[in-house]
Amino acid sequence: MKIGITGTFGGSPKRDIGFLKEYAVAAEEVGFDCLYAPEHVVFFAR
């Protein structure tokens, strides 16, 4: 069985492409098989 992980990567200057790369490497190191990135470009905050 393959297990994936997702996260919210936009909306914050701290969650740039460097953050995404570190997140993906860490996920792979602990055994996740794939990383899902949401395709939404707008998130609504309440």
PDB file of N, CA and C in Angstrom:
ATOM      1  N   MET A   1       0.840  -1.147   0.000  1.00  0.00           N
ATOM      2  CA  MET A   1       0.000   0.000   0.000  1.00  0.00           C
ATOM      3  C   MET A   1       0.905   1.236   0.000  1.00  0.00           C
ATOM      4  N   LYS A   2       0.544   2.225  -0.804  1.00  0.00           N
ATOM      5  CA  LYS A   2       1.273   3.484  -0.834  1.00  0.00           C
ATOM      6  C   LYS A   2       0.479   4.540  -0.074  1.00  0.00           C
ATOM      7  N   ILE A   3       1.160   5.303   0.734  1.00  0.00           N
ATOM      8  CA  ILE A   3       0.522   6.322   1.566  1.00  0.00           C
ATOM      9  C   ILE A   3       1.074   7.687   1.175  1.00  0.00           C
ATOM     10  N   GLY A   4       0.182   8.661   0.992  1.00  0.00           N
ATOM     11  CA  GLY A   4       0.585  10.017   0.651  1.00  0.00           C
ATOM     12  C   GLY A   4       0.237  10.989   1.769  1.00  0.00           C
ATOM     13  N   ILE A   5       0.740  12.197   1.628  1.00  0.00           N
ATOM     14  CA  ILE A   5       0.503  13.253   2.609  1.00  0.00           C
ATOM     15  C   ILE A   5       0.228  14.548   1.846  1.00  0.00           C
ATOM     16  N   THR A   6      -0.508  15.439   2.463  1.00  0.00           N
ATOM     17  CA  THR A   6      -0.777  16.738   1.850  1.00  0.00           C
ATOM     18  C   THR A   6      -0.536  17.834   2.871  1.00  0.00           C
ATOM     19  N   GLY A   7      -0.537  19.046   2.416  1.00  0.00           N
ATOM     20  CA  GLY A   7      -0.362  20.197   3.287  1.00  0.00           C
ATOM     21  C   GLY A   7      -0.865  21.436   2.586  1.00  0.00           C
ATOM     22  N   THR A   8      -0.927  22.524   3.299  1.00  0.00           N
ATOM     23  CA  THR A   8      -1.305  23.812   2.714  1.00  0.00           C
ATOM     24  C   THR A   8      -0.024  24.617   2.570  1.00  0.00           C
ATOM     25  N   PHE A   9       0.324  24.964   1.351  1.00  0.00           N
ATOM     26  CA  PHE A   9       1.629  25.547   1.102  1.00  0.00           C
ATOM     27  C   PHE A   9       1.598  27.027   0.756  1.00  0.00           C
ATOM     28  N   GLY A  10       0.457  27.592   0.472  1.00  0.00           N
ATOM     29  CA  GLY A  10       0.388  28.998   0.100  1.00  0.00           C
ATOM     30  C   GLY A  10      -0.114  29.858   1.244  1.00  0.00           C
ATOM     31  N   GLY A  11      -0.175  31.151   1.002  1.00  0.00           N
ATOM     32  CA  GLY A  11      -0.784  32.049   1.971  1.00  0.00           C
ATOM     33  C   GLY A  11       0.149  32.624   3.012  1.00  0.00           C
ATOM     34  N   SER A  12       1.407  32.239   2.989  1.00  0.00           N
ATOM     35  CA  SER A  12       2.353  32.751   3.970  1.00  0.00           C
ATOM     36  C   SER A  12       3.727  32.860   3.319  1.00  0.00           C
ATOM     37  N   PRO A  13       4.417  33.967   3.530  1.00  0.00           N
ATOM     38  CA  PRO A  13       5.765  34.092   2.963  1.00  0.00           C
ATOM     39  C   PRO A  13       6.717  33.009   3.464  1.00  0.00           C
ATOM     40  N   LYS A  14       6.451  32.455   4.636  1.00  0.00           N
ATOM     41  CA  LYS A  14       7.311  31.404   5.184  1.00  0.00           C
ATOM     42  C   LYS A  14       7.096  30.060   4.497  1.00  0.00           C
ATOM     43  N   ARG A  15       6.008  29.924   3.770  1.00  0.00           N
ATOM     44  CA  ARG A  15       5.718  28.660   3.083  1.00  0.00           C
ATOM     45  C   ARG A  15       5.987  28.809   1.590  1.00  0.00           C
ATOM     46  N   ASP A  16       7.222  29.090   1.271  1.00  0.00           N
ATOM     47  CA  ASP A  16       7.640  29.272  -0.110  1.00  0.00           C
ATOM     48  C   ASP A  16       8.134  27.939  -0.686  1.00  0.00           C
ATOM     49  N   ILE A  17       8.768  27.998  -1.851  1.00  0.00           N
ATOM     50  CA  ILE A  17       9.234  26.778  -2.503  1.00  0.00           C
ATOM     51  C   ILE A  17      10.295  26.062  -1.666  1.00  0.00           C
ATOM     52  N   GLY A  18      11.090  26.820  -0.912  1.00  0.00           N
ATOM     53  CA  GLY A  18      12.078  26.197  -0.027  1.00  0.00           C
ATOM     54  C   GLY A  18      11.408  25.372   1.057  1.00  0.00           C
ATOM     55  N   PHE A  19      10.330  25.910   1.624  1.00  0.00           N
ATOM     56  CA  PHE A  19       9.567  25.178   2.638  1.00  0.00           C
ATOM     57  C   PHE A  19       8.985  23.901   2.036  1.00  0.00           C
ATOM     58  N   LEU A  20       8.428  24.016   0.831  1.00  0.00           N
ATOM     59  CA  LEU A  20       7.830  22.860   0.164  1.00  0.00           C
ATOM     60  C   LEU A  20       8.867  21.768  -0.058  1.00  0.00           C
ATOM     61  N   LYS A  21      10.076  22.165  -0.465  1.00  0.00           N
ATOM     62  CA  LYS A  21      11.138  21.181  -0.684  1.00  0.00           C
ATOM     63  C   LYS A  21      11.513  20.478   0.623  1.00  0.00           C
ATOM     64  N   GLU A  22      11.689  21.241   1.702  1.00  0.00           N
ATOM     65  CA  GLU A  22      12.019  20.648   2.995  1.00  0.00           C
ATOM     66  C   GLU A  22      10.907  19.707   3.467  1.00  0.00           C
ATOM     67  N   TYR A  23       9.656  20.121   3.267  1.00  0.00           N
ATOM     68  CA  TYR A  23       8.494  19.319   3.650  1.00  0.00           C
ATOM     69  C   TYR A  23       8.502  17.992   2.892  1.00  0.00           C
ATOM     70  N   ALA A  24       8.755  18.061   1.588  1.00  0.00           N
ATOM     71  CA  ALA A  24       8.749  16.859   0.750  1.00  0.00           C
ATOM     72  C   ALA A  24       9.876  15.906   1.150  1.00  0.00           C
ATOM     73  N   VAL A  25      11.052  16.443   1.390  1.00  0.00           N
ATOM     74  CA  VAL A  25      12.193  15.606   1.793  1.00  0.00           C
ATOM     75  C   VAL A  25      11.903  14.936   3.141  1.00  0.00           C
ATOM     76  N   ALA A  26      11.378  15.705   4.096  1.00  0.00           N
ATOM     77  CA  ALA A  26      11.059  15.144   5.407  1.00  0.00           C
ATOM     78  C   ALA A  26       9.988  14.058   5.295  1.00  0.00           C
ATOM     79  N   ALA A  27       8.980  14.288   4.462  1.00  0.00           N
ATOM     80  CA  ALA A  27       7.915  13.293   4.285  1.00  0.00           C
ATOM     81  C   ALA A  27       8.477  12.004   3.696  1.00  0.00           C
ATOM     82  N   GLU A  28       9.361  12.138   2.727  1.00  0.00           N
ATOM     83  CA  GLU A  28       9.978  10.957   2.121  1.00  0.00           C
ATOM     84  C   GLU A  28      10.850  10.214   3.136  1.00  0.00           C
ATOM     85  N   GLU A  29      11.572  10.951   3.949  1.00  0.00           N
ATOM     86  CA  GLU A  29      12.452  10.331   4.946  1.00  0.00           C
ATOM     87  C   GLU A  29      11.696   9.497   5.974  1.00  0.00           C
ATOM     88  N   VAL A  30      10.455   9.900   6.297  1.00  0.00           N
ATOM     89  CA  VAL A  30       9.686   9.128   7.283  1.00  0.00           C
ATOM     90  C   VAL A  30       8.796   8.070   6.639  1.00  0.00           C
ATOM     91  N   GLY A  31       8.869   7.946   5.299  1.00  0.00           N
ATOM     92  CA  GLY A  31       8.204   6.819   4.654  1.00  0.00           C
ATOM     93  C   GLY A  31       7.001   7.103   3.783  1.00  0.00           C
ATOM     94  N   PHE A  32       6.615   8.351   3.613  1.00  0.00           N
ATOM     95  CA  PHE A  32       5.491   8.643   2.721  1.00  0.00           C
ATOM     96  C   PHE A  32       5.921   8.430   1.275  1.00  0.00           C
ATOM     97  N   ASP A  33       4.984   7.962   0.451  1.00  0.00           N
ATOM     98  CA  ASP A  33       5.288   7.657  -0.948  1.00  0.00           C
ATOM     99  C   ASP A  33       5.039   8.819  -1.896  1.00  0.00           C
ATOM    100  N   CYS A  34       4.149   9.716  -1.531  1.00  0.00           N
ATOM    101  CA  CYS A  34       3.850  10.829  -2.430  1.00  0.00           C
ATOM    102  C   CYS A  34       3.362  12.033  -1.639  1.00  0.00           C
ATOM    103  N   LEU A  35       3.444  13.173  -2.288  1.00  0.00           N
ATOM    104  CA  LEU A  35       3.029  14.438  -1.692  1.00  0.00           C
ATOM    105  C   LEU A  35       1.961  15.045  -2.593  1.00  0.00           C
ATOM    106  N   TYR A  36       0.811  15.340  -2.016  1.00  0.00           N
ATOM    107  CA  TYR A  36      -0.276  15.963  -2.765  1.00  0.00           C
ATOM    108  C   TYR A  36      -0.276  17.459  -2.475  1.00  0.00           C
ATOM    109  N   ALA A  37      -0.292  18.254  -3.504  1.00  0.00           N
ATOM    110  CA  ALA A  37      -0.342  19.707  -3.351  1.00  0.00           C
ATOM    111  C   ALA A  37      -1.699  20.195  -3.844  1.00  0.00           C
ATOM    112  N   PRO A  38      -2.454  20.909  -3.011  1.00  0.00           N
ATOM    113  CA  PRO A  38      -3.763  21.409  -3.431  1.00  0.00           C
ATOM    114  C   PRO A  38      -3.625  22.313  -4.648  1.00  0.00           C
ATOM    115  N   GLU A  39      -4.592  22.251  -5.532  1.00  0.00           N
ATOM    116  CA  GLU A  39      -4.540  23.076  -6.734  1.00  0.00           C
ATOM    117  C   GLU A  39      -5.228  24.425  -6.565  1.00  0.00           C
ATOM    118  N   HIS A  40      -5.834  24.671  -5.431  1.00  0.00           N
ATOM    119  CA  HIS A  40      -6.529  25.934  -5.204  1.00  0.00           C
ATOM    120  C   HIS A  40      -5.518  27.068  -5.068  1.00  0.00           C
ATOM    121  N   VAL A  41      -5.807  28.182  -5.685  1.00  0.00           N
ATOM    122  CA  VAL A  41      -4.909  29.320  -5.591  1.00  0.00           C
ATOM    123  C   VAL A  41      -5.420  30.366  -4.602  1.00  0.00           C
ATOM    124  N   VAL A  42      -6.662  30.170  -4.128  1.00  0.00           N
ATOM    125  CA  VAL A  42      -7.247  31.110  -3.171  1.00  0.00           C
ATOM    126  C   VAL A  42      -7.818  30.317  -2.006  1.00  0.00           C
ATOM    127  N   PHE A  43      -7.419  30.693  -0.799  1.00  0.00           N
ATOM    128  CA  PHE A  43      -7.970  30.083   0.402  1.00  0.00           C
ATOM    129  C   PHE A  43      -8.673  31.174   1.190  1.00  0.00           C
ATOM    130  N   PHE A  44      -9.834  30.871   1.707  1.00  0.00           N
ATOM    131  CA  PHE A  44     -10.606  31.843   2.452  1.00  0.00           C
ATOM    132  C   PHE A  44     -10.339  31.682   3.945  1.00  0.00           C
ATOM    133  N   ALA A  45     -10.018  32.767   4.604  1.00  0.00           N
ATOM    134  CA  ALA A  45      -9.792  32.743   6.039  1.00  0.00           C
ATOM    135  C   ALA A  45     -10.966  33.423   6.737  1.00  0.00           C
ATOM    136  N   ARG A  46     -11.341  32.881   7.843  1.00  0.00           N
ATOM    137  CA  ARG A  46     -12.435  33.481   8.610  1.00  0.00           C
ATOM    138  C   ARG A  46     -11.922  34.055   9.875  1.00  0.00           C
TER     139      ARG A  46
END
